[in-house]
Amino acid sequence: MEHGLEGHPRTGGRQVNSTCGKPPRYVTGEAFLHGPIPLSWLNAAGLLGGKALHVGLYLWHLAGLNVSMRVKLPTSKLQQIGVTRQAAYQALAALERQQLLSVERRPGCCAVVTLVFPEPAVSGNVNSGGTCRNARHPSQFVSFFFRGF
């Protein structure tokens, strides 16, 4: 199975087979996510739609770099990954409504965001909320993604 990593420096231009079992290794200078990131947080952000998950993942990236759950969110950096300033503000508002983070807003300054861990959900099937069992759910994507490495 190909993962689109043919041009990645660690692959040497060759195809990458997902059956090798080893996770990819960090390459110096490459962006990364520092975890653990609660899957319940990712599920909730993914269900919001829009760019909420993009903004959320970028916030977790910043939190890992700064070793702090409280980070400044420069919207100029988000534009590099395809998130406009307006979309970032809408995503922050949506994430804040779901109590996944809190935001301090000041005129003319970057938003200061504090990531919040949600209360643990009741254990059980992801689709126990009356949805179709065959429906795609963000947690299925995330578990598939991590299972592939």
N, C-alpha and C. Protein backbone atom coordinates (compact mmCIF):
# COMPACT_ATOMS: atom_id res chain seq x y z
N MET A 1 0.85 -1.18 0.00
CA MET A 1 0.00 0.00 0.00
C MET A 1 0.89 1.24 0.00
N GLU A 2 0.63 2.16 -0.88
CA GLU A 2 1.41 3.38 -0.97
C GLU A 2 0.81 4.46 -0.08
N HIS A 3 1.66 5.28 0.50
CA HIS A 3 1.21 6.35 1.37
C HIS A 3 1.56 7.72 0.83
N GLY A 4 2.07 7.82 -0.39
CA GLY A 4 2.41 9.11 -0.95
C GLY A 4 3.70 9.68 -0.40
N LEU A 5 4.57 8.82 0.11
CA LEU A 5 5.82 9.29 0.71
C LEU A 5 7.01 9.04 -0.20
N GLU A 6 6.76 8.87 -1.49
CA GLU A 6 7.84 8.53 -2.41
C GLU A 6 8.95 9.58 -2.43
N GLY A 7 8.60 10.86 -2.26
CA GLY A 7 9.61 11.91 -2.30
C GLY A 7 10.18 12.27 -0.93
N HIS A 8 9.76 11.58 0.11
CA HIS A 8 10.20 11.89 1.48
C HIS A 8 11.67 11.54 1.63
N PRO A 9 12.44 12.38 2.36
CA PRO A 9 13.88 12.14 2.49
C PRO A 9 14.23 10.78 3.08
N ARG A 10 13.39 10.22 3.96
CA ARG A 10 13.72 8.95 4.60
C ARG A 10 13.41 7.75 3.71
N THR A 11 12.67 7.95 2.62
CA THR A 11 12.30 6.81 1.77
C THR A 11 13.23 6.66 0.59
N GLY A 12 14.03 7.65 0.30
CA GLY A 12 14.95 7.57 -0.83
C GLY A 12 14.24 7.48 -2.17
N GLY A 13 13.01 7.99 -2.25
CA GLY A 13 12.26 7.98 -3.50
C GLY A 13 11.57 6.67 -3.79
N ARG A 14 11.69 5.68 -2.89
CA ARG A 14 11.06 4.39 -3.14
C ARG A 14 9.64 4.36 -2.56
N GLN A 15 8.85 3.40 -2.99
CA GLN A 15 7.50 3.24 -2.45
C GLN A 15 7.58 2.72 -1.02
N VAL A 16 6.60 3.12 -0.21
CA VAL A 16 6.59 2.72 1.18
C VAL A 16 5.51 1.68 1.37
N ASN A 17 5.87 0.55 1.96
CA ASN A 17 4.93 -0.52 2.20
C ASN A 17 4.47 -0.45 3.65
N SER A 18 3.15 -0.43 3.87
CA SER A 18 2.61 -0.28 5.23
C SER A 18 2.73 -1.56 6.05
N THR A 19 3.16 -2.66 5.46
CA THR A 19 3.24 -3.91 6.19
C THR A 19 4.55 -4.08 6.93
N CYS A 20 5.47 -3.12 6.85
CA CYS A 20 6.78 -3.25 7.49
C CYS A 20 6.67 -3.21 9.01
N GLY A 21 5.62 -2.58 9.54
CA GLY A 21 5.39 -2.61 10.97
C GLY A 21 6.07 -1.52 11.78
N LYS A 22 7.05 -0.84 11.23
CA LYS A 22 7.75 0.19 11.98
C LYS A 22 7.14 1.56 11.70
N PRO A 23 6.98 2.37 12.75
CA PRO A 23 6.49 3.74 12.51
C PRO A 23 7.57 4.58 11.84
N PRO A 24 7.16 5.65 11.16
CA PRO A 24 8.17 6.50 10.52
C PRO A 24 9.04 7.16 11.58
N ARG A 25 10.28 7.40 11.25
CA ARG A 25 11.21 8.04 12.18
C ARG A 25 11.23 9.53 11.93
N TYR A 26 11.52 10.28 12.98
CA TYR A 26 11.61 11.73 12.90
C TYR A 26 12.83 12.13 12.09
N VAL A 27 12.64 13.10 11.21
CA VAL A 27 13.73 13.65 10.42
C VAL A 27 14.00 15.05 10.97
N THR A 28 15.26 15.36 11.26
CA THR A 28 15.63 16.65 11.81
C THR A 28 15.08 17.78 10.95
N GLY A 29 14.41 18.73 11.59
CA GLY A 29 13.85 19.88 10.90
C GLY A 29 12.43 19.67 10.40
N GLU A 30 11.92 18.45 10.51
CA GLU A 30 10.57 18.13 10.05
C GLU A 30 9.56 18.45 11.15
N ALA A 31 8.39 18.98 10.77
CA ALA A 31 7.34 19.26 11.74
C ALA A 31 6.78 17.95 12.28
N PHE A 32 6.29 17.98 13.53
CA PHE A 32 5.78 16.77 14.16
C PHE A 32 4.70 17.12 15.18
N LEU A 33 3.95 16.12 15.59
CA LEU A 33 3.00 16.25 16.68
C LEU A 33 3.57 15.54 17.89
N HIS A 34 3.48 16.18 19.03
CA HIS A 34 3.97 15.60 20.27
C HIS A 34 2.75 15.17 21.07
N GLY A 35 2.68 13.92 21.45
CA GLY A 35 1.49 13.41 22.16
C GLY A 35 1.81 13.09 23.59
N PRO A 36 0.91 12.47 24.26
CA PRO A 36 -0.32 11.92 23.72
C PRO A 36 -1.40 12.98 23.54
N ILE A 37 -2.19 12.79 22.51
CA ILE A 37 -3.36 13.64 22.24
C ILE A 37 -4.58 12.75 22.43
N PRO A 38 -5.48 13.12 23.32
CA PRO A 38 -6.64 12.25 23.58
C PRO A 38 -7.49 12.07 22.32
N LEU A 39 -7.81 10.82 22.00
CA LEU A 39 -8.65 10.56 20.83
C LEU A 39 -10.03 11.17 21.00
N SER A 40 -10.50 11.28 22.23
CA SER A 40 -11.80 11.91 22.44
C SER A 40 -11.76 13.38 22.02
N TRP A 41 -10.62 14.04 22.23
CA TRP A 41 -10.45 15.44 21.81
C TRP A 41 -10.46 15.51 20.28
N LEU A 42 -9.72 14.62 19.64
CA LEU A 42 -9.68 14.60 18.17
C LEU A 42 -11.04 14.27 17.57
N ASN A 43 -11.75 13.33 18.19
CA ASN A 43 -13.09 12.97 17.70
C ASN A 43 -14.01 14.17 17.76
N ALA A 44 -14.02 14.86 18.89
CA ALA A 44 -14.90 16.01 19.07
C ALA A 44 -14.55 17.12 18.07
N ALA A 45 -13.26 17.38 17.87
CA ALA A 45 -12.84 18.42 16.91
C ALA A 45 -13.19 18.01 15.49
N GLY A 46 -13.04 16.74 15.15
CA GLY A 46 -13.34 16.26 13.81
C GLY A 46 -14.82 16.35 13.47
N LEU A 47 -15.66 16.21 14.46
CA LEU A 47 -17.11 16.28 14.23
C LEU A 47 -17.59 17.70 13.98
N LEU A 48 -16.78 18.69 14.32
CA LEU A 48 -17.19 20.08 14.16
C LEU A 48 -17.19 20.54 12.71
N GLY A 49 -16.42 19.89 11.87
CA GLY A 49 -16.36 20.27 10.47
C GLY A 49 -15.52 21.51 10.25
N GLY A 50 -15.53 21.99 9.02
CA GLY A 50 -14.72 23.16 8.68
C GLY A 50 -13.25 22.88 8.91
N LYS A 51 -12.57 23.86 9.41
CA LYS A 51 -11.13 23.74 9.66
C LYS A 51 -10.81 23.51 11.14
N ALA A 52 -11.81 23.10 11.92
CA ALA A 52 -11.61 22.93 13.37
C ALA A 52 -10.53 21.90 13.66
N LEU A 53 -10.54 20.78 12.97
CA LEU A 53 -9.53 19.76 13.21
C LEU A 53 -8.15 20.25 12.80
N HIS A 54 -8.06 20.97 11.68
CA HIS A 54 -6.77 21.52 11.23
C HIS A 54 -6.20 22.46 12.30
N VAL A 55 -7.04 23.37 12.78
CA VAL A 55 -6.60 24.33 13.79
C VAL A 55 -6.24 23.60 15.08
N GLY A 56 -7.06 22.62 15.45
CA GLY A 56 -6.79 21.86 16.67
C GLY A 56 -5.46 21.12 16.61
N LEU A 57 -5.20 20.46 15.49
CA LEU A 57 -3.93 19.76 15.35
C LEU A 57 -2.75 20.72 15.38
N TYR A 58 -2.91 21.89 14.77
CA TYR A 58 -1.83 22.87 14.80
C TYR A 58 -1.60 23.36 16.24
N LEU A 59 -2.68 23.53 17.00
CA LEU A 59 -2.54 23.94 18.40
C LEU A 59 -1.80 22.87 19.22
N TRP A 60 -2.11 21.60 18.97
CA TRP A 60 -1.39 20.52 19.66
C TRP A 60 0.08 20.51 19.25
N HIS A 61 0.35 20.81 17.98
CA HIS A 61 1.74 20.92 17.52
C HIS A 61 2.47 22.01 18.30
N LEU A 62 1.84 23.18 18.42
CA LEU A 62 2.45 24.28 19.18
C LEU A 62 2.62 23.93 20.65
N ALA A 63 1.62 23.25 21.21
CA ALA A 63 1.71 22.84 22.62
C ALA A 63 2.89 21.90 22.84
N GLY A 64 3.13 20.99 21.89
CA GLY A 64 4.27 20.09 22.00
C GLY A 64 5.60 20.82 21.89
N LEU A 65 5.66 21.80 20.98
CA LEU A 65 6.90 22.57 20.82
C LEU A 65 7.20 23.41 22.05
N ASN A 66 6.15 24.01 22.63
CA ASN A 66 6.33 24.92 23.76
C ASN A 66 6.26 24.22 25.11
N VAL A 67 5.95 22.93 25.11
CA VAL A 67 5.77 22.14 26.33
C VAL A 67 4.82 22.88 27.28
N SER A 68 3.72 23.33 26.72
CA SER A 68 2.72 24.07 27.48
C SER A 68 1.36 23.91 26.81
N MET A 69 0.33 23.82 27.63
CA MET A 69 -1.03 23.72 27.09
C MET A 69 -1.58 25.11 26.75
N ARG A 70 -0.82 26.15 27.04
CA ARG A 70 -1.23 27.53 26.75
C ARG A 70 -0.28 28.08 25.69
N VAL A 71 -0.83 28.40 24.51
CA VAL A 71 0.00 28.83 23.38
C VAL A 71 -0.63 30.02 22.67
N LYS A 72 0.22 30.79 21.99
CA LYS A 72 -0.26 31.86 21.11
C LYS A 72 -0.50 31.25 19.74
N LEU A 73 -1.59 31.69 19.09
CA LEU A 73 -1.93 31.16 17.78
C LEU A 73 -1.71 32.23 16.71
N PRO A 74 -0.57 32.17 16.02
CA PRO A 74 -0.34 33.12 14.92
C PRO A 74 -1.08 32.67 13.66
N THR A 75 -2.04 33.46 13.23
CA THR A 75 -2.84 33.06 12.06
C THR A 75 -2.01 33.07 10.78
N SER A 76 -0.90 33.80 10.77
CA SER A 76 -0.05 33.81 9.57
C SER A 76 0.52 32.42 9.31
N LYS A 77 0.84 31.67 10.35
CA LYS A 77 1.36 30.32 10.18
C LYS A 77 0.27 29.37 9.69
N LEU A 78 -0.97 29.60 10.13
CA LEU A 78 -2.07 28.76 9.68
C LEU A 78 -2.33 28.91 8.19
N GLN A 79 -2.08 30.10 7.66
CA GLN A 79 -2.29 30.33 6.23
C GLN A 79 -1.38 29.44 5.39
N GLN A 80 -0.24 29.03 5.95
CA GLN A 80 0.67 28.15 5.23
C GLN A 80 0.10 26.76 5.05
N ILE A 81 -0.88 26.37 5.89
CA ILE A 81 -1.50 25.06 5.75
C ILE A 81 -2.93 25.17 5.21
N GLY A 82 -3.26 26.33 4.64
CA GLY A 82 -4.54 26.48 3.97
C GLY A 82 -5.70 26.92 4.83
N VAL A 83 -5.41 27.50 5.99
CA VAL A 83 -6.47 27.98 6.89
C VAL A 83 -6.42 29.50 6.90
N THR A 84 -7.47 30.14 6.41
CA THR A 84 -7.52 31.60 6.40
C THR A 84 -7.74 32.13 7.81
N ARG A 85 -7.50 33.41 7.99
CA ARG A 85 -7.69 34.04 9.30
C ARG A 85 -9.13 33.90 9.76
N GLN A 86 -10.08 34.12 8.85
CA GLN A 86 -11.49 34.02 9.20
C GLN A 86 -11.85 32.58 9.58
N ALA A 87 -11.36 31.61 8.82
CA ALA A 87 -11.63 30.20 9.12
C ALA A 87 -11.03 29.81 10.46
N ALA A 88 -9.85 30.37 10.78
CA ALA A 88 -9.21 30.08 12.06
C ALA A 88 -10.06 30.61 13.21
N TYR A 89 -10.58 31.81 13.07
CA TYR A 89 -11.42 32.38 14.13
C TYR A 89 -12.71 31.58 14.29
N GLN A 90 -13.30 31.15 13.18
CA GLN A 90 -14.51 30.33 13.26
C GLN A 90 -14.22 28.99 13.92
N ALA A 91 -13.08 28.40 13.57
CA ALA A 91 -12.69 27.13 14.18
C ALA A 91 -12.44 27.28 15.67
N LEU A 92 -11.76 28.36 16.06
CA LEU A 92 -11.53 28.61 17.49
C LEU A 92 -12.85 28.75 18.24
N ALA A 93 -13.79 29.47 17.65
CA ALA A 93 -15.10 29.65 18.29
C ALA A 93 -15.81 28.31 18.44
N ALA A 94 -15.76 27.47 17.40
CA ALA A 94 -16.41 26.16 17.45
C ALA A 94 -15.75 25.26 18.49
N LEU A 95 -14.42 25.25 18.54
CA LEU A 95 -13.71 24.43 19.52
C LEU A 95 -13.98 24.93 20.94
N GLU A 96 -14.11 26.24 21.09
CA GLU A 96 -14.40 26.82 22.40
C GLU A 96 -15.82 26.46 22.84
N ARG A 97 -16.79 26.49 21.92
CA ARG A 97 -18.17 26.11 22.25
C ARG A 97 -18.24 24.66 22.73
N GLN A 98 -17.38 23.80 22.18
CA GLN A 98 -17.35 22.39 22.59
C GLN A 98 -16.49 22.18 23.84
N GLN A 99 -15.97 23.25 24.40
CA GLN A 99 -15.14 23.24 25.62
C GLN A 99 -13.88 22.40 25.45
N LEU A 100 -13.31 22.44 24.23
CA LEU A 100 -12.05 21.77 23.96
C LEU A 100 -10.87 22.69 24.21
N LEU A 101 -11.14 23.98 24.31
CA LEU A 101 -10.10 24.96 24.59
C LEU A 101 -10.76 26.23 25.10
N SER A 102 -9.92 27.09 25.67
CA SER A 102 -10.39 28.43 26.04
C SER A 102 -9.50 29.44 25.33
N VAL A 103 -10.08 30.57 24.98
CA VAL A 103 -9.38 31.55 24.16
C VAL A 103 -9.39 32.91 24.86
N GLU A 104 -8.22 33.54 24.91
CA GLU A 104 -8.10 34.92 25.37
C GLU A 104 -7.87 35.76 24.12
N ARG A 105 -8.80 36.65 23.84
CA ARG A 105 -8.71 37.48 22.64
C ARG A 105 -8.38 38.91 23.05
N ARG A 106 -7.40 39.51 22.35
CA ARG A 106 -7.04 40.90 22.58
C ARG A 106 -6.91 41.58 21.23
N PRO A 107 -7.44 42.78 21.09
CA PRO A 107 -7.36 43.48 19.81
C PRO A 107 -5.91 43.67 19.36
N GLY A 108 -5.63 43.32 18.11
CA GLY A 108 -4.30 43.53 17.54
C GLY A 108 -3.26 42.52 17.96
N CYS A 109 -3.64 41.51 18.74
CA CYS A 109 -2.68 40.50 19.21
C CYS A 109 -3.14 39.11 18.81
N CYS A 110 -2.21 38.17 18.82
CA CYS A 110 -2.55 36.77 18.57
C CYS A 110 -3.47 36.28 19.69
N ALA A 111 -4.38 35.40 19.35
CA ALA A 111 -5.21 34.76 20.36
C ALA A 111 -4.32 33.86 21.23
N VAL A 112 -4.56 33.86 22.52
CA VAL A 112 -3.86 32.98 23.44
C VAL A 112 -4.83 31.85 23.78
N VAL A 113 -4.43 30.63 23.47
CA VAL A 113 -5.32 29.47 23.57
C VAL A 113 -4.80 28.52 24.64
N THR A 114 -5.71 28.02 25.46
CA THR A 114 -5.39 26.99 26.44
C THR A 114 -6.16 25.74 26.06
N LEU A 115 -5.44 24.67 25.75
CA LEU A 115 -6.08 23.41 25.40
C LEU A 115 -6.65 22.77 26.65
N VAL A 116 -7.84 22.19 26.53
CA VAL A 116 -8.54 21.61 27.66
C VAL A 116 -8.84 20.15 27.35
N PHE A 117 -8.58 19.27 28.32
CA PHE A 117 -8.92 17.87 28.16
C PHE A 117 -10.39 17.69 28.46
N PRO A 118 -11.15 17.03 27.58
CA PRO A 118 -12.56 16.80 27.85
C PRO A 118 -12.73 15.75 28.95
N GLU A 119 -13.90 15.77 29.57
CA GLU A 119 -14.22 14.73 30.54
C GLU A 119 -14.28 13.40 29.81
N PRO A 120 -13.84 12.32 30.46
CA PRO A 120 -13.91 11.02 29.78
C PRO A 120 -15.34 10.67 29.41
N ALA A 121 -15.53 10.23 28.17
CA ALA A 121 -16.86 9.85 27.70
C ALA A 121 -17.21 8.48 28.25
N VAL A 122 -18.49 8.17 28.21
CA VAL A 122 -18.93 6.85 28.62
C VAL A 122 -18.35 5.85 27.65
N SER A 123 -17.74 4.79 28.19
CA SER A 123 -17.11 3.81 27.30
C SER A 123 -18.18 3.04 26.55
N GLY A 124 -17.81 2.54 25.40
CA GLY A 124 -18.74 1.78 24.58
C GLY A 124 -18.47 2.00 23.13
N ASN A 125 -19.39 1.59 22.31
CA ASN A 125 -19.25 1.70 20.86
C ASN A 125 -19.27 3.16 20.44
N VAL A 126 -18.42 3.50 19.50
CA VAL A 126 -18.35 4.87 19.00
C VAL A 126 -19.68 5.30 18.41
N ASN A 127 -20.38 4.38 17.78
CA ASN A 127 -21.64 4.70 17.11
C ASN A 127 -22.86 4.44 17.99
N SER A 128 -22.71 4.45 19.30
CA SER A 128 -23.83 4.13 20.19
C SER A 128 -24.85 5.25 20.27
N GLY A 129 -24.61 6.39 19.65
CA GLY A 129 -25.52 7.51 19.73
C GLY A 129 -26.67 7.45 18.75
N GLY A 130 -26.99 6.28 18.23
CA GLY A 130 -28.13 6.14 17.34
C GLY A 130 -27.79 6.40 15.89
N THR A 131 -26.51 6.47 15.54
CA THR A 131 -26.13 6.70 14.15
C THR A 131 -25.99 5.37 13.43
N CYS A 132 -25.95 5.43 12.13
CA CYS A 132 -25.78 4.24 11.30
C CYS A 132 -24.44 3.60 11.59
N ARG A 133 -24.40 2.30 11.77
CA ARG A 133 -23.15 1.62 12.09
C ARG A 133 -22.15 1.65 10.94
N ASN A 134 -22.62 1.84 9.72
CA ASN A 134 -21.72 1.89 8.57
C ASN A 134 -21.22 3.30 8.27
N ALA A 135 -21.67 4.28 9.05
CA ALA A 135 -21.28 5.67 8.79
C ALA A 135 -19.80 5.87 9.12
N ARG A 136 -19.16 6.73 8.37
CA ARG A 136 -17.77 7.08 8.65
C ARG A 136 -17.74 8.01 9.85
N HIS A 137 -16.89 7.73 10.79
CA HIS A 137 -16.75 8.53 11.99
C HIS A 137 -15.29 8.93 12.09
N PRO A 138 -14.98 10.15 12.56
CA PRO A 138 -13.57 10.56 12.63
C PRO A 138 -12.70 9.59 13.42
N SER A 139 -13.23 8.95 14.45
CA SER A 139 -12.41 8.01 15.22
C SER A 139 -12.00 6.82 14.38
N GLN A 140 -12.86 6.42 13.42
CA GLN A 140 -12.49 5.32 12.54
C GLN A 140 -11.33 5.72 11.66
N PHE A 141 -11.34 6.96 11.18
CA PHE A 141 -10.23 7.45 10.36
C PHE A 141 -8.95 7.48 11.18
N VAL A 142 -9.02 8.04 12.40
CA VAL A 142 -7.83 8.18 13.22
C VAL A 142 -7.27 6.81 13.56
N SER A 143 -8.13 5.86 13.96
CA SER A 143 -7.62 4.54 14.31
C SER A 143 -7.05 3.84 13.09
N PHE A 144 -7.67 4.02 11.91
CA PHE A 144 -7.13 3.46 10.69
C PHE A 144 -5.75 4.07 10.40
N PHE A 145 -5.64 5.37 10.55
CA PHE A 145 -4.40 6.08 10.26
C PHE A 145 -3.28 5.54 11.14
N PHE A 146 -3.53 5.42 12.44
CA PHE A 146 -2.48 4.98 13.35
C PHE A 146 -2.21 3.49 13.20
N ARG A 147 -3.20 2.71 12.83
CA ARG A 147 -3.01 1.28 12.63
C ARG A 147 -2.10 1.04 11.42
N GLY A 148 -2.15 1.95 10.43
CA GLY A 148 -1.34 1.80 9.22
C GLY A 148 0.15 1.97 9.45
N PHE A 149 0.51 2.60 10.57
CA PHE A 149 1.94 2.78 10.85
C PHE A 149 2.38 1.67 11.73
